[in-house]
């Protein structure tokens, strides 16, 4: 692998999204990421969502540029193989439930005793201790606890249609890991990084969603909620986002449409528009009812008014800026087939993206374990086991009508 993290080795013991995405970012930046998966089923995200050739689309995106080794860490000789790998690692990322890595003997204390330079990140939902530590966690539960669902839904709480805090936690973890590696360069020592989804969620949402709850006391001048500044408006053939925070922007829109809406005292200032948000939205949509989204974007942009077309999930790939920037790439997975996904936003000097496609379970077991001196008879035994498991899994999927 090439890139700024080339030469660093990351062992990933994670599943679903938060951990895999964190390791994906490091892999995209050149780290040698070895995904340690339990045999047979591996990461449960392999089977989520749209799939082809036995691999889910989300898994294929989140696990590119990685190698897969199938190990049962409850089996002594397979745990020994992992420990041999851990001595060569710079980073371990795990998202088991609190206490599991201790029971397996692969926690930070155990591994750092062999490898003092190890950076070890433990991702959890609510933290490694406390009243919620043993709860099973999914992203919507963090949205509920952090207050996001209540704010998103208004009168009736609703979750965002994205697992936002899994991904925020991934970004948080990646930044923390690279910062710890930078510190290790000065001290020679690794460190333990316990990172919770709840902490990551609160850190992420606080500046804007909680600006009315940051300053404490009774002498605060409140100015509404930031999200209320940015309504979406219906046009003739779709929707547009027009930022009408400034009075001048509303004036430009009104003059273009031959209206005097900007002179109406009910809407002529931002506080007035926020106080009558529903009525203001109706007024603006009346001005735009016969106008196409393309024309609105062209005119508002010409007048210096912030504007954007509301793309659907089916046409975002065709947005002219997305196409110009090469933000999305298409590539051919050797078994899964044609795929489309986003390039890393920080584009380091990586000649080919992706350098590896997402692996199937245990694709790289032999290559990786040979490199750390695991005996050939042990590796052969693992390969025979994986072949049996794969045949069993395929038979079960075919019986269930899948592939």
Protein backbone atom coordinates (compact mmCIF):
# COMPACT_ATOMS: atom_id res chain seq x y z
CA UNK A 1 0.00 0.00 0.00
CA UNK A 2 1.08 3.59 -0.59
CA UNK A 3 -0.03 6.75 1.17
CA UNK A 4 0.93 8.66 4.33
CA UNK A 5 0.27 5.66 6.62
CA UNK A 6 2.22 3.21 4.51
CA UNK A 7 4.31 1.00 6.79
CA UNK A 8 1.84 1.06 9.69
CA UNK A 9 -0.02 -2.15 10.54
CA UNK A 10 -3.55 -2.08 11.96
CA UNK A 11 -5.36 -5.10 13.39
CA UNK A 12 -9.11 -4.62 13.17
CA UNK A 13 -11.33 -6.71 15.45
CA UNK A 14 -14.59 -4.98 14.67
CA UNK A 15 -17.91 -5.47 12.95
CA UNK A 16 -20.71 -3.53 11.31
CA UNK A 17 -19.82 0.17 10.82
CA UNK A 18 -17.98 2.20 13.50
CA UNK A 19 -14.84 0.06 13.67
CA UNK A 20 -14.75 -1.03 10.02
CA UNK A 21 -15.10 2.56 8.83
CA UNK A 22 -12.34 3.77 11.15
CA UNK A 23 -10.03 1.05 9.82
CA UNK A 24 -11.17 1.78 6.25
CA UNK A 25 -9.99 5.37 6.55
CA UNK A 26 -6.60 4.23 7.80
CA UNK A 27 -6.43 1.68 4.97
CA UNK A 28 -7.34 4.32 2.40
CA UNK A 29 -4.40 6.34 3.72
CA UNK A 30 -2.00 3.45 3.19
CA UNK A 31 -2.04 1.43 6.43
CA UNK A 32 -1.83 -2.36 6.20
CA UNK A 33 -5.20 -3.21 7.76
CA UNK A 34 -5.72 -6.84 8.69
CA UNK A 35 -9.32 -7.61 9.54
CA UNK A 36 -9.55 -10.41 12.11
CA UNK A 37 -12.91 -12.14 11.70
CA UNK A 38 -14.50 -15.10 13.42
CA UNK A 39 -14.74 -18.08 11.06
CA UNK A 40 -17.96 -19.06 9.30
CA UNK A 41 -19.97 -15.84 9.37
CA UNK A 42 -17.30 -13.19 9.97
CA UNK A 43 -18.43 -9.59 10.24
CA UNK A 44 -22.24 -9.59 10.33
CA UNK A 45 -22.29 -6.57 8.00
CA UNK A 46 -21.26 -8.91 5.19
CA UNK A 47 -24.91 -9.86 4.83
CA UNK A 48 -26.67 -6.51 5.33
CA UNK A 49 -28.48 -4.59 2.62
CA UNK A 50 -28.18 -4.98 -1.14
CA UNK A 51 -25.79 -7.78 -2.05
CA UNK A 52 -24.29 -9.76 -4.89
CA UNK A 53 -22.11 -12.87 -4.88
CA UNK A 54 -22.61 -13.22 -1.13
CA UNK A 55 -21.27 -9.79 -0.19
CA UNK A 56 -23.32 -6.82 1.00
CA UNK A 57 -22.77 -3.43 -0.61
CA UNK A 58 -22.09 -1.66 2.69
CA UNK A 59 -19.48 -4.24 3.65
CA UNK A 60 -17.82 -3.95 0.24
CA UNK A 61 -17.42 -0.19 0.73
CA UNK A 62 -16.28 -0.24 4.37
CA UNK A 63 -13.75 -3.04 3.95
CA UNK A 64 -11.86 -2.10 0.82
CA UNK A 65 -8.07 -1.98 1.02
CA UNK A 66 -8.01 -4.59 3.81
CA UNK A 67 -6.90 -8.18 4.21
CA UNK A 68 -9.05 -10.76 6.01
CA UNK A 69 -7.79 -13.41 8.43
CA UNK A 70 -10.27 -15.83 9.98
CA UNK A 71 -9.37 -16.72 13.59
CA UNK A 72 -11.34 -18.13 16.50
CA UNK A 73 -9.72 -16.34 19.42
CA UNK A 74 -11.22 -18.84 21.87
CA UNK A 75 -8.98 -21.58 20.41
CA UNK A 76 -5.50 -21.55 21.92
CA UNK A 77 -3.43 -22.00 18.77
CA UNK A 78 -5.48 -19.43 16.86
CA UNK A 79 -5.15 -16.95 19.70
CA UNK A 80 -1.39 -17.56 19.63
CA UNK A 81 -1.42 -16.70 15.93
CA UNK A 82 -3.21 -13.47 16.75
CA UNK A 83 -0.71 -12.65 19.50
CA UNK A 84 2.11 -13.13 17.01
CA UNK A 85 0.38 -10.68 14.70
CA UNK A 86 -0.20 -8.23 17.55
CA UNK A 87 3.53 -8.03 18.20
CA UNK A 88 3.95 -6.64 14.65
CA UNK A 89 1.05 -4.17 14.90
CA UNK A 90 1.07 -0.44 15.42
CA UNK A 91 -2.67 -0.20 16.08
CA UNK A 92 -5.49 -2.42 17.32
CA UNK A 93 -9.10 -1.32 16.92
CA UNK A 94 -11.86 -3.33 18.58
CA UNK A 95 -15.57 -2.80 19.17
CA UNK A 96 -16.52 -5.80 21.27
CA UNK A 97 -18.89 -5.23 24.15
CA UNK A 98 -17.05 -4.03 27.29
CA UNK A 99 -15.22 -6.84 29.07
CA UNK A 100 -14.99 -9.25 26.14
CA UNK A 101 -11.38 -8.51 25.18
CA UNK A 102 -10.36 -8.94 28.83
CA UNK A 103 -12.04 -12.36 28.93
CA UNK A 104 -10.18 -13.33 25.76
CA UNK A 105 -6.85 -12.08 27.10
CA UNK A 106 -6.36 -9.64 24.21
CA UNK A 107 -7.04 -6.36 26.01
CA UNK A 108 -4.66 -3.40 25.98
CA UNK A 109 -2.80 -4.49 29.13
CA UNK A 110 -2.13 -7.95 27.72
CA UNK A 111 -1.01 -6.77 24.29
CA UNK A 112 0.97 -3.71 25.37
CA UNK A 113 3.03 -5.89 27.72
CA UNK A 114 4.36 -7.55 24.55
CA UNK A 115 4.26 -4.44 22.37
CA UNK A 116 4.70 -1.18 24.36
CA UNK A 117 4.30 0.98 21.26
CA UNK A 118 0.81 -0.32 20.55
CA UNK A 119 -2.04 2.17 20.09
CA UNK A 120 -5.22 0.40 21.14
CA UNK A 121 -8.66 1.89 20.42
CA UNK A 122 -11.76 0.40 22.06
CA UNK A 123 -15.06 1.56 20.55
CA UNK A 124 -18.21 1.10 22.61
CA UNK A 125 -21.73 2.44 22.57
CA UNK A 126 -21.96 4.04 26.00
CA UNK A 127 -18.46 3.59 27.39
CA UNK A 128 -16.39 0.91 29.09
CA UNK A 129 -18.19 1.37 32.40
CA UNK A 130 -21.29 2.98 33.87
CA UNK A 131 -24.98 2.06 34.08
CA UNK A 132 -25.34 1.49 30.31
CA UNK A 133 -22.07 -0.36 29.66
CA UNK A 134 -23.67 -3.75 29.04
CA UNK A 135 -26.48 -2.55 26.80
CA UNK A 136 -26.57 -3.79 23.24
CA UNK A 137 -26.11 -0.70 21.12
CA UNK A 138 -27.27 0.40 17.70
CA UNK A 139 -26.90 3.84 16.18
CA UNK A 140 -30.60 4.77 16.62
CA UNK A 141 -30.26 4.20 20.36
CA UNK A 142 -27.43 6.73 20.52
CA UNK A 143 -29.56 9.16 18.51
CA UNK A 144 -32.26 8.69 21.14
CA UNK A 145 -29.96 9.14 24.14
CA UNK A 146 -28.11 12.14 22.69
CA UNK A 147 -31.34 14.04 21.98
CA UNK A 148 -30.95 13.92 18.21
CA UNK A 149 -34.13 11.93 17.60
CA UNK A 150 -36.22 14.39 19.60
CA UNK A 151 -34.81 17.37 17.70
CA UNK A 152 -34.96 15.67 14.31
CA UNK A 153 -38.60 14.73 14.58
CA UNK A 154 -40.02 17.85 16.20
CA UNK A 155 -43.30 17.03 17.93
CA UNK A 156 -42.87 13.32 17.23
CA UNK A 157 -39.28 12.05 17.68
CA UNK A 158 -37.71 10.48 14.61
CA UNK A 159 -34.30 9.04 13.81
CA UNK A 160 -32.16 10.35 11.01
CA UNK A 161 -32.25 8.06 7.99
CA UNK A 162 -28.53 7.39 8.39
CA UNK A 163 -26.41 5.69 11.01
CA UNK A 164 -24.77 9.02 11.63
CA UNK A 165 -23.12 8.34 14.99
CA UNK A 166 -21.52 5.07 13.91
CA UNK A 167 -19.76 7.10 11.24
CA UNK A 168 -19.00 10.07 13.49
CA UNK A 169 -17.42 7.63 15.94
CA UNK A 170 -15.34 6.18 13.11
CA UNK A 171 -14.02 9.61 12.20
CA UNK A 172 -13.36 10.38 15.87
CA UNK A 173 -11.48 7.11 16.30
CA UNK A 174 -9.34 7.61 13.23
CA UNK A 175 -8.27 11.09 14.29
CA UNK A 176 -7.47 9.85 17.79
CA UNK A 177 -5.41 6.95 16.45
CA UNK A 178 -3.32 9.13 14.15
CA UNK A 179 -2.80 11.65 16.97
CA UNK A 180 -1.62 8.82 19.25
CA UNK A 181 0.78 7.61 16.55
CA UNK A 182 2.13 11.15 16.30
CA UNK A 183 2.69 11.22 20.06
CA UNK A 184 4.33 7.80 19.92
CA UNK A 185 6.84 9.29 17.53
CA UNK A 186 7.96 11.55 20.40
CA UNK A 187 7.67 9.13 23.32
CA UNK A 188 8.05 5.68 21.79
CA UNK A 189 4.98 4.55 23.75
CA UNK A 190 1.50 3.63 22.64
CA UNK A 191 -1.67 4.25 24.61
CA UNK A 192 -5.20 3.08 25.26
CA UNK A 193 -8.06 5.02 23.61
CA UNK A 194 -11.53 4.18 24.92
CA UNK A 195 -14.00 5.94 22.60
CA UNK A 196 -17.76 5.82 23.06
CA UNK A 197 -20.42 6.52 20.48
CA UNK A 198 -22.32 8.64 23.00
CA UNK A 199 -19.32 10.87 23.69
CA UNK A 200 -18.68 11.16 19.95
CA UNK A 201 -22.32 12.04 19.33
CA UNK A 202 -22.40 14.78 21.95
CA UNK A 203 -19.07 16.20 20.74
CA UNK A 204 -20.42 16.28 17.17
CA UNK A 205 -23.89 17.72 17.78
CA UNK A 206 -23.12 20.25 20.51
CA UNK A 207 -21.93 23.40 18.67
CA UNK A 208 -25.14 23.89 16.64
CA UNK A 209 -27.89 21.62 17.96
CA UNK A 210 -27.17 22.65 21.55
CA UNK A 211 -26.35 26.33 21.11
CA UNK A 212 -29.50 27.23 23.05
CA UNK A 213 -28.35 24.99 25.90
CA UNK A 214 -24.67 25.89 26.14
CA UNK A 215 -24.77 29.21 27.96
CA UNK A 216 -26.12 28.74 31.47
CA UNK A 217 -28.16 31.26 33.41
CA UNK A 218 -31.22 33.49 32.95
CA UNK A 219 -29.69 36.40 31.01
CA UNK A 220 -29.25 34.65 27.65
CA UNK A 221 -30.46 36.21 24.40
CA UNK A 222 -31.90 33.28 22.47
CA UNK A 223 -32.17 33.49 18.70
CA UNK A 224 -33.95 30.30 17.69
CA UNK A 225 -32.41 27.09 16.43
CA UNK A 226 -29.90 26.99 13.60
CA UNK A 227 -31.74 24.24 11.73
CA UNK A 228 -34.77 26.54 11.39
CA UNK A 229 -32.70 28.95 9.30
CA UNK A 230 -32.58 26.56 6.36
CA UNK A 231 -35.96 25.43 5.02
CA UNK A 232 -36.35 23.42 1.80
CA UNK A 233 -38.68 24.86 -0.86
CA UNK A 234 -40.76 23.08 -3.48
CA UNK A 235 -40.27 24.18 -7.09
CA UNK A 236 -42.02 23.11 -10.29
CA UNK A 237 -40.00 19.94 -10.83
CA UNK A 238 -38.40 19.23 -7.47
CA UNK A 239 -36.95 20.93 -4.42
CA UNK A 240 -34.28 23.53 -3.74
CA UNK A 241 -32.43 24.74 -0.70
CA UNK A 242 -32.21 28.53 -0.68
CA UNK A 243 -30.53 30.21 2.28
CA UNK A 244 -32.61 33.32 2.95
CA UNK A 245 -30.88 34.33 6.17
CA UNK A 246 -29.89 37.76 4.89
CA UNK A 247 -32.55 40.33 4.01
CA UNK A 248 -30.67 41.06 0.78
CA UNK A 249 -31.08 37.46 -0.38
CA UNK A 250 -34.84 37.64 0.10
CA UNK A 251 -34.87 40.96 -1.77
CA UNK A 252 -33.03 39.42 -4.72
CA UNK A 253 -35.45 36.50 -4.87
CA UNK A 254 -38.48 38.79 -4.60
CA UNK A 255 -37.35 41.21 -7.30
CA UNK A 256 -36.52 38.35 -9.67
CA UNK A 257 -40.01 36.93 -9.23
CA UNK A 258 -41.71 40.33 -9.46
CA UNK A 259 -42.80 40.23 -5.84
CA UNK A 260 -42.70 42.64 -2.90
CA UNK A 261 -42.39 39.87 -0.34
CA UNK A 262 -39.20 41.44 1.01
CA UNK A 263 -41.18 44.55 1.93
CA UNK A 264 -43.78 42.62 3.91
CA UNK A 265 -43.09 43.44 7.56
CA UNK A 266 -44.09 39.88 8.49
CA UNK A 267 -41.00 38.58 6.66
CA UNK A 268 -38.66 41.53 6.12
CA UNK A 269 -36.24 40.53 8.92
CA UNK A 270 -34.74 37.20 9.91
CA UNK A 271 -36.43 37.14 13.35
CA UNK A 272 -39.77 37.81 11.64
CA UNK A 273 -39.18 35.02 9.13
CA UNK A 274 -38.25 32.57 11.87
CA UNK A 275 -41.30 33.50 13.93
CA UNK A 276 -43.57 32.80 10.94
CA UNK A 277 -41.56 30.03 9.35
CA UNK A 278 -44.48 27.93 8.09
CA UNK A 279 -46.26 30.89 6.49
CA UNK A 280 -42.99 32.18 5.00
CA UNK A 281 -42.34 28.81 3.39
CA UNK A 282 -45.77 28.91 1.73
CA UNK A 283 -45.11 32.41 0.39
CA UNK A 284 -41.74 31.47 -1.10
CA UNK A 285 -43.08 28.28 -2.65
CA UNK A 286 -45.82 30.33 -4.33
CA UNK A 287 -43.09 32.39 -6.01
CA UNK A 288 -41.30 29.23 -7.19
CA UNK A 289 -44.27 27.11 -8.22
CA UNK A 290 -43.83 27.64 -11.97
CA UNK A 291 -40.01 27.69 -12.02
CA UNK A 292 -37.67 24.74 -12.59
CA UNK A 293 -34.97 23.85 -10.12
CA UNK A 294 -32.34 24.43 -12.80
CA UNK A 295 -33.54 27.98 -13.42
CA UNK A 296 -33.76 28.74 -9.71
CA UNK A 297 -30.19 27.55 -9.15
CA UNK A 298 -28.90 29.49 -12.14
CA UNK A 299 -30.59 32.76 -11.19
CA UNK A 300 -29.99 32.64 -7.46
CA UNK A 301 -26.35 31.75 -8.01
CA UNK A 302 -26.01 34.66 -10.43
CA UNK A 303 -27.43 36.98 -7.76
CA UNK A 304 -25.08 35.62 -5.10
CA UNK A 305 -27.87 33.95 -3.15
CA UNK A 306 -26.81 30.58 -1.62
CA UNK A 307 -28.74 27.83 -3.40
CA UNK A 308 -28.59 24.13 -4.23
CA UNK A 309 -30.80 21.62 -5.95
CA UNK A 310 -32.07 18.85 -3.69
CA UNK A 311 -30.66 15.74 -5.30
CA UNK A 312 -32.23 12.34 -4.83
CA UNK A 313 -30.18 9.29 -3.94
CA UNK A 314 -30.69 8.12 -7.51
CA UNK A 315 -29.25 11.21 -9.18
CA UNK A 316 -26.56 12.51 -6.82
CA UNK A 317 -23.94 10.67 -8.87
CA UNK A 318 -24.97 12.74 -11.88
CA UNK A 319 -24.59 16.13 -10.19
CA UNK A 320 -22.28 18.25 -12.34
CA UNK A 321 -20.00 19.18 -9.43
CA UNK A 322 -19.78 15.56 -8.25
CA UNK A 323 -18.84 14.52 -11.79
CA UNK A 324 -16.36 17.37 -12.21
CA UNK A 325 -14.58 16.62 -8.94
CA UNK A 326 -14.47 12.87 -9.54
CA UNK A 327 -15.98 12.43 -6.08
CA UNK A 328 -17.42 9.04 -6.99
CA UNK A 329 -15.54 6.22 -8.66
CA UNK A 330 -16.63 3.04 -10.36
CA UNK A 331 -14.52 -0.09 -10.19
CA UNK A 332 -14.78 -3.82 -10.79
CA UNK A 333 -14.64 -6.14 -7.79
CA UNK A 334 -13.32 -9.48 -9.08
CA UNK A 335 -16.28 -11.40 -7.61
CA UNK A 336 -18.90 -8.85 -6.66
CA UNK A 337 -18.77 -6.98 -9.96
CA UNK A 338 -19.24 -3.34 -10.83
CA UNK A 339 -19.43 -0.91 -7.92
CA UNK A 340 -19.70 2.82 -7.30
CA UNK A 341 -18.50 4.55 -4.13
CA UNK A 342 -16.87 7.78 -2.96
CA UNK A 343 -13.20 8.59 -3.10
CA UNK A 344 -11.54 9.65 0.15
CA UNK A 345 -12.04 13.42 0.53
CA UNK A 346 -8.38 13.88 1.52
CA UNK A 347 -6.60 12.70 -1.62
CA UNK A 348 -3.10 11.74 -0.71
CA UNK A 349 -0.60 10.43 -3.22
CA UNK A 350 -2.25 7.05 -3.74
CA UNK A 351 -1.83 6.02 -7.39
CA UNK A 352 -4.80 3.64 -7.58
CA UNK A 353 -8.04 3.70 -5.61
CA UNK A 354 -8.96 1.25 -4.29
CA UNK A 355 -5.74 -0.73 -4.18
CA UNK A 356 -7.64 -3.77 -2.85
CA UNK A 357 -11.29 -4.71 -2.98
CA UNK A 358 -13.13 -5.96 0.10
CA UNK A 359 -12.05 -9.54 0.90
CA UNK A 360 -14.13 -12.60 1.58
CA UNK A 361 -13.67 -14.27 4.97
CA UNK A 362 -10.15 -15.59 5.39
CA UNK A 363 -8.95 -14.63 1.91
CA UNK A 364 -5.58 -13.61 3.29
CA UNK A 365 -5.12 -15.99 6.22
CA UNK A 366 -2.17 -17.88 4.71
CA UNK A 367 -0.35 -14.82 3.40
CA UNK A 368 -0.61 -12.95 6.70
CA UNK A 369 0.13 -15.82 9.09
CA UNK A 370 3.11 -17.05 7.09
CA UNK A 371 4.60 -13.56 7.44
CA UNK A 372 4.64 -13.88 11.26
CA UNK A 373 5.98 -17.44 11.36
CA UNK A 374 2.83 -19.46 12.11
CA UNK A 375 3.42 -23.14 11.36
CA UNK A 376 2.19 -24.42 8.02
CA UNK A 377 0.20 -27.29 9.55
CA UNK A 378 -1.79 -24.82 11.64
CA UNK A 379 -2.48 -22.63 8.61
CA UNK A 380 -3.51 -25.65 6.55
CA UNK A 381 -5.90 -26.69 9.32
CA UNK A 382 -7.46 -23.23 9.30
CA UNK A 383 -7.87 -23.35 5.53
CA UNK A 384 -9.57 -26.75 5.71
CA UNK A 385 -11.90 -25.47 8.41
CA UNK A 386 -12.75 -22.36 6.40
CA UNK A 387 -13.48 -24.46 3.32
CA UNK A 388 -15.90 -26.61 5.31
CA UNK A 389 -17.57 -23.55 6.80
CA UNK A 390 -17.87 -21.90 3.40
CA UNK A 391 -19.50 -24.99 1.93
CA UNK A 392 -21.91 -25.17 4.86
CA UNK A 393 -22.78 -21.49 4.61
CA UNK A 394 -23.32 -21.70 0.85
CA UNK A 395 -25.61 -24.69 1.28
CA UNK A 396 -27.63 -22.86 3.94
CA UNK A 397 -27.95 -19.76 1.77
CA UNK A 398 -29.02 -21.77 -1.25
CA UNK A 399 -31.59 -23.60 0.85
CA UNK A 400 -32.93 -20.21 1.96
CA UNK A 401 -33.12 -19.06 -1.65
CA UNK A 402 -30.05 -16.79 -1.59
CA UNK A 403 -26.63 -16.87 -3.22
